[in-house]
């Protein structure tokens, strides 16, 4: 198993331990791989997520998301459709 595959397995294991709000945000980004930061916060607030910026920051720290220029992105390891299907959260 190469390092890329190990990172994927690590992320999948970590995803199982997320709380419900974190899982909801991760599901949002699994469906919307790259979203403008303002749009993401507005969308997540309408979905009932309290303090989405704080939760997004945690997901960035955990390695699920990355901050781009004016946007948030799902990390490369989770962008594959087959990987997203395996990540049942």
N, C-alpha and C. Protein backbone atom coordinates (compact mmCIF):
# COMPACT_ATOMS: atom_id res chain seq x y z
N UNK A 1 0.86 -1.18 0.00
CA UNK A 1 0.00 0.00 0.00
C UNK A 1 0.90 1.24 0.00
N UNK A 2 0.61 2.16 -0.90
CA UNK A 2 1.43 3.37 -0.96
C UNK A 2 0.92 4.43 0.01
N UNK A 3 1.69 5.50 0.14
CA UNK A 3 1.39 6.57 1.09
C UNK A 3 0.04 7.22 0.81
N UNK A 4 -0.31 7.39 -0.46
CA UNK A 4 -1.59 8.00 -0.84
C UNK A 4 -2.75 7.15 -0.32
N UNK A 5 -2.67 5.84 -0.54
CA UNK A 5 -3.72 4.94 -0.07
C UNK A 5 -3.80 4.93 1.45
N UNK A 6 -2.67 5.00 2.13
CA UNK A 6 -2.65 5.05 3.59
C UNK A 6 -3.36 6.31 4.09
N UNK A 7 -3.12 7.44 3.43
CA UNK A 7 -3.78 8.68 3.82
C UNK A 7 -5.29 8.57 3.64
N UNK A 8 -5.72 7.93 2.55
CA UNK A 8 -7.15 7.73 2.32
C UNK A 8 -7.76 6.89 3.44
N UNK A 9 -7.14 5.77 3.76
CA UNK A 9 -7.66 4.90 4.82
C UNK A 9 -7.70 5.62 6.15
N UNK A 10 -6.67 6.42 6.43
CA UNK A 10 -6.62 7.20 7.67
C UNK A 10 -7.80 8.18 7.73
N UNK A 11 -8.07 8.87 6.62
CA UNK A 11 -9.18 9.82 6.59
C UNK A 11 -10.52 9.11 6.77
N UNK A 12 -10.68 7.96 6.16
CA UNK A 12 -11.93 7.21 6.31
C UNK A 12 -12.14 6.80 7.76
N UNK A 13 -11.09 6.34 8.41
CA UNK A 13 -11.18 5.96 9.83
C UNK A 13 -11.50 7.17 10.70
N UNK A 14 -10.85 8.29 10.42
CA UNK A 14 -11.11 9.50 11.19
C UNK A 14 -12.53 10.01 10.98
N UNK A 15 -13.06 9.84 9.77
CA UNK A 15 -14.42 10.31 9.47
C UNK A 15 -15.46 9.60 10.32
N UNK A 16 -15.23 8.36 10.64
CA UNK A 16 -16.18 7.59 11.45
C UNK A 16 -16.31 8.17 12.86
N UNK A 17 -15.31 8.91 13.32
CA UNK A 17 -15.30 9.46 14.67
C UNK A 17 -15.82 10.90 14.74
N UNK A 18 -16.19 11.47 13.63
CA UNK A 18 -16.68 12.85 13.62
C UNK A 18 -18.05 12.93 14.27
N UNK A 19 -18.36 14.12 14.84
CA UNK A 19 -19.71 14.31 15.38
C UNK A 19 -20.67 14.61 14.23
N UNK A 20 -21.95 14.72 14.54
CA UNK A 20 -22.96 14.87 13.48
C UNK A 20 -22.80 16.14 12.66
N UNK A 21 -22.48 17.27 13.28
CA UNK A 21 -22.28 18.50 12.51
C UNK A 21 -21.06 18.37 11.60
N UNK A 22 -19.99 17.79 12.10
CA UNK A 22 -18.79 17.59 11.28
C UNK A 22 -19.09 16.67 10.11
N UNK A 23 -19.84 15.61 10.36
CA UNK A 23 -20.23 14.70 9.27
C UNK A 23 -21.11 15.40 8.25
N UNK A 24 -22.03 16.25 8.72
CA UNK A 24 -22.91 16.97 7.80
C UNK A 24 -22.10 17.89 6.89
N UNK A 25 -21.11 18.56 7.45
CA UNK A 25 -20.27 19.45 6.64
C UNK A 25 -19.41 18.64 5.68
N UNK A 26 -18.87 17.51 6.14
CA UNK A 26 -18.08 16.67 5.25
C UNK A 26 -18.93 16.13 4.11
N UNK A 27 -20.17 15.72 4.41
CA UNK A 27 -21.08 15.27 3.34
C UNK A 27 -21.32 16.38 2.33
N UNK A 28 -21.49 17.61 2.82
CA UNK A 28 -21.68 18.76 1.94
C UNK A 28 -20.50 18.88 0.97
N UNK A 29 -19.28 18.76 1.49
CA UNK A 29 -18.11 18.88 0.63
C UNK A 29 -17.86 17.65 -0.23
N UNK A 30 -18.37 16.49 0.18
CA UNK A 30 -18.28 15.33 -0.68
C UNK A 30 -19.16 15.51 -1.92
N UNK A 31 -20.24 16.26 -1.76
CA UNK A 31 -21.13 16.57 -2.89
C UNK A 31 -20.69 17.81 -3.66
N UNK A 32 -20.03 18.73 -2.96
CA UNK A 32 -19.58 20.01 -3.54
C UNK A 32 -18.09 20.13 -3.26
N UNK A 33 -17.27 19.59 -4.14
CA UNK A 33 -15.85 19.43 -3.91
C UNK A 33 -15.12 20.75 -3.65
N UNK A 34 -15.54 21.81 -4.29
CA UNK A 34 -14.91 23.12 -4.11
C UNK A 34 -16.01 24.17 -4.07
N UNK A 35 -16.02 24.96 -2.98
CA UNK A 35 -17.09 25.93 -2.79
C UNK A 35 -16.48 27.23 -2.29
N UNK A 36 -16.95 28.35 -2.81
CA UNK A 36 -16.53 29.65 -2.31
C UNK A 36 -16.78 29.72 -0.80
N UNK A 37 -15.87 30.37 -0.08
CA UNK A 37 -15.98 30.36 1.38
C UNK A 37 -17.27 31.01 1.87
N UNK A 38 -17.68 32.10 1.27
CA UNK A 38 -18.92 32.77 1.70
C UNK A 38 -20.13 31.89 1.38
N UNK A 39 -20.17 31.33 0.18
CA UNK A 39 -21.27 30.45 -0.23
C UNK A 39 -21.37 29.25 0.71
N UNK A 40 -20.24 28.63 1.04
CA UNK A 40 -20.24 27.46 1.91
C UNK A 40 -20.84 27.79 3.27
N UNK A 41 -20.42 28.90 3.85
CA UNK A 41 -20.92 29.30 5.17
C UNK A 41 -22.43 29.56 5.11
N UNK A 42 -22.88 30.28 4.08
CA UNK A 42 -24.31 30.55 3.94
C UNK A 42 -25.11 29.25 3.76
N UNK A 43 -24.63 28.36 2.89
CA UNK A 43 -25.32 27.10 2.67
C UNK A 43 -25.41 26.28 3.95
N UNK A 44 -24.32 26.21 4.67
CA UNK A 44 -24.29 25.39 5.88
C UNK A 44 -25.16 25.98 6.99
N UNK A 45 -25.22 27.30 7.06
CA UNK A 45 -26.11 27.92 8.05
C UNK A 45 -27.56 27.60 7.72
N UNK A 46 -27.93 27.58 6.44
CA UNK A 46 -29.31 27.24 6.07
C UNK A 46 -29.61 25.78 6.37
N UNK A 47 -28.58 24.95 6.47
CA UNK A 47 -28.76 23.54 6.82
C UNK A 47 -28.77 23.33 8.33
N UNK A 48 -28.70 24.44 9.08
CA UNK A 48 -28.79 24.34 10.53
C UNK A 48 -27.48 24.12 11.25
N UNK A 49 -26.37 24.34 10.57
CA UNK A 49 -25.06 24.17 11.19
C UNK A 49 -24.70 25.43 11.96
N UNK A 50 -24.45 25.28 13.25
CA UNK A 50 -24.01 26.41 14.07
C UNK A 50 -22.51 26.62 13.88
N UNK A 51 -22.11 27.85 13.72
CA UNK A 51 -20.70 28.21 13.58
C UNK A 51 -19.96 27.36 12.53
N UNK A 52 -20.41 27.38 11.29
CA UNK A 52 -19.77 26.54 10.28
C UNK A 52 -18.29 26.85 10.08
N UNK A 53 -17.90 28.11 10.27
CA UNK A 53 -16.47 28.45 10.09
C UNK A 53 -15.60 27.69 11.08
N UNK A 54 -16.07 27.57 12.33
CA UNK A 54 -15.31 26.86 13.35
C UNK A 54 -15.18 25.37 12.99
N UNK A 55 -16.28 24.78 12.53
CA UNK A 55 -16.27 23.36 12.19
C UNK A 55 -15.41 23.13 10.94
N UNK A 56 -15.52 24.01 9.97
CA UNK A 56 -14.69 23.90 8.76
C UNK A 56 -13.21 23.97 9.13
N UNK A 57 -12.86 24.87 10.03
CA UNK A 57 -11.46 24.98 10.46
C UNK A 57 -10.99 23.67 11.09
N UNK A 58 -11.85 23.05 11.89
CA UNK A 58 -11.49 21.77 12.49
C UNK A 58 -11.28 20.71 11.41
N UNK A 59 -12.16 20.69 10.40
CA UNK A 59 -12.02 19.71 9.32
C UNK A 59 -10.77 19.97 8.47
N UNK A 60 -10.36 21.22 8.38
CA UNK A 60 -9.10 21.55 7.71
C UNK A 60 -7.95 21.00 8.56
N UNK A 61 -7.99 21.25 9.86
CA UNK A 61 -6.94 20.75 10.77
C UNK A 61 -6.86 19.23 10.76
N UNK A 62 -8.00 18.57 10.61
CA UNK A 62 -8.05 17.11 10.59
C UNK A 62 -7.62 16.52 9.25
N UNK A 63 -7.50 17.38 8.22
CA UNK A 63 -7.01 16.92 6.92
C UNK A 63 -8.09 16.56 5.91
N UNK A 64 -9.36 16.88 6.19
CA UNK A 64 -10.44 16.57 5.26
C UNK A 64 -10.62 17.66 4.20
N UNK A 65 -10.42 18.89 4.59
CA UNK A 65 -10.61 20.04 3.70
C UNK A 65 -9.34 20.85 3.63
N UNK A 66 -9.26 21.70 2.61
CA UNK A 66 -8.16 22.65 2.52
C UNK A 66 -8.73 24.01 2.15
N UNK A 67 -8.05 25.03 2.56
CA UNK A 67 -8.46 26.42 2.28
C UNK A 67 -7.72 26.87 1.03
N UNK A 68 -8.50 27.27 0.03
CA UNK A 68 -7.91 27.84 -1.17
C UNK A 68 -8.06 29.35 -1.12
N UNK A 69 -7.87 29.99 -2.26
CA UNK A 69 -8.06 31.44 -2.35
C UNK A 69 -9.54 31.74 -2.47
N UNK A 70 -10.16 32.13 -1.36
CA UNK A 70 -11.58 32.46 -1.36
C UNK A 70 -12.50 31.26 -1.45
N UNK A 71 -11.97 30.06 -1.18
CA UNK A 71 -12.80 28.86 -1.26
C UNK A 71 -12.31 27.80 -0.29
N UNK A 72 -13.14 26.79 -0.12
CA UNK A 72 -12.77 25.58 0.62
C UNK A 72 -12.85 24.43 -0.36
N UNK A 73 -11.92 23.49 -0.24
CA UNK A 73 -11.87 22.34 -1.14
C UNK A 73 -11.77 21.05 -0.35
N UNK A 74 -12.38 20.00 -0.88
CA UNK A 74 -12.18 18.67 -0.37
C UNK A 74 -10.74 18.28 -0.72
N UNK A 75 -10.02 17.63 0.17
CA UNK A 75 -8.64 17.27 -0.12
C UNK A 75 -8.58 16.28 -1.27
N UNK A 76 -7.47 16.28 -1.95
CA UNK A 76 -7.27 15.46 -3.15
C UNK A 76 -7.57 13.98 -2.89
N UNK A 77 -7.19 13.48 -1.73
CA UNK A 77 -7.39 12.07 -1.43
C UNK A 77 -8.86 11.66 -1.44
N UNK A 78 -9.76 12.60 -1.19
CA UNK A 78 -11.19 12.27 -1.11
C UNK A 78 -11.97 12.70 -2.35
N UNK A 79 -11.32 13.21 -3.36
CA UNK A 79 -12.04 13.70 -4.54
C UNK A 79 -12.51 12.61 -5.49
N UNK A 80 -11.93 11.45 -5.43
CA UNK A 80 -12.33 10.37 -6.32
C UNK A 80 -13.75 9.91 -5.99
N UNK A 81 -14.54 9.67 -7.01
CA UNK A 81 -15.92 9.23 -6.82
C UNK A 81 -15.95 7.89 -6.09
N UNK A 82 -15.04 6.98 -6.41
CA UNK A 82 -15.04 5.67 -5.75
C UNK A 82 -14.72 5.80 -4.27
N UNK A 83 -13.83 6.72 -3.92
CA UNK A 83 -13.51 6.95 -2.51
C UNK A 83 -14.70 7.58 -1.81
N UNK A 84 -15.35 8.52 -2.45
CA UNK A 84 -16.51 9.18 -1.83
C UNK A 84 -17.63 8.18 -1.57
N UNK A 85 -17.79 7.19 -2.44
CA UNK A 85 -18.82 6.18 -2.23
C UNK A 85 -18.46 5.29 -1.05
N UNK A 86 -17.17 5.03 -0.84
CA UNK A 86 -16.74 4.18 0.28
C UNK A 86 -16.88 4.90 1.61
N UNK A 87 -16.86 6.21 1.59
CA UNK A 87 -16.93 6.99 2.81
C UNK A 87 -18.40 7.14 3.20
N UNK A 88 -18.91 6.20 3.93
CA UNK A 88 -20.32 6.17 4.31
C UNK A 88 -20.47 6.84 5.68
N UNK A 89 -20.73 8.13 5.66
CA UNK A 89 -20.92 8.85 6.93
C UNK A 89 -22.30 9.46 6.96
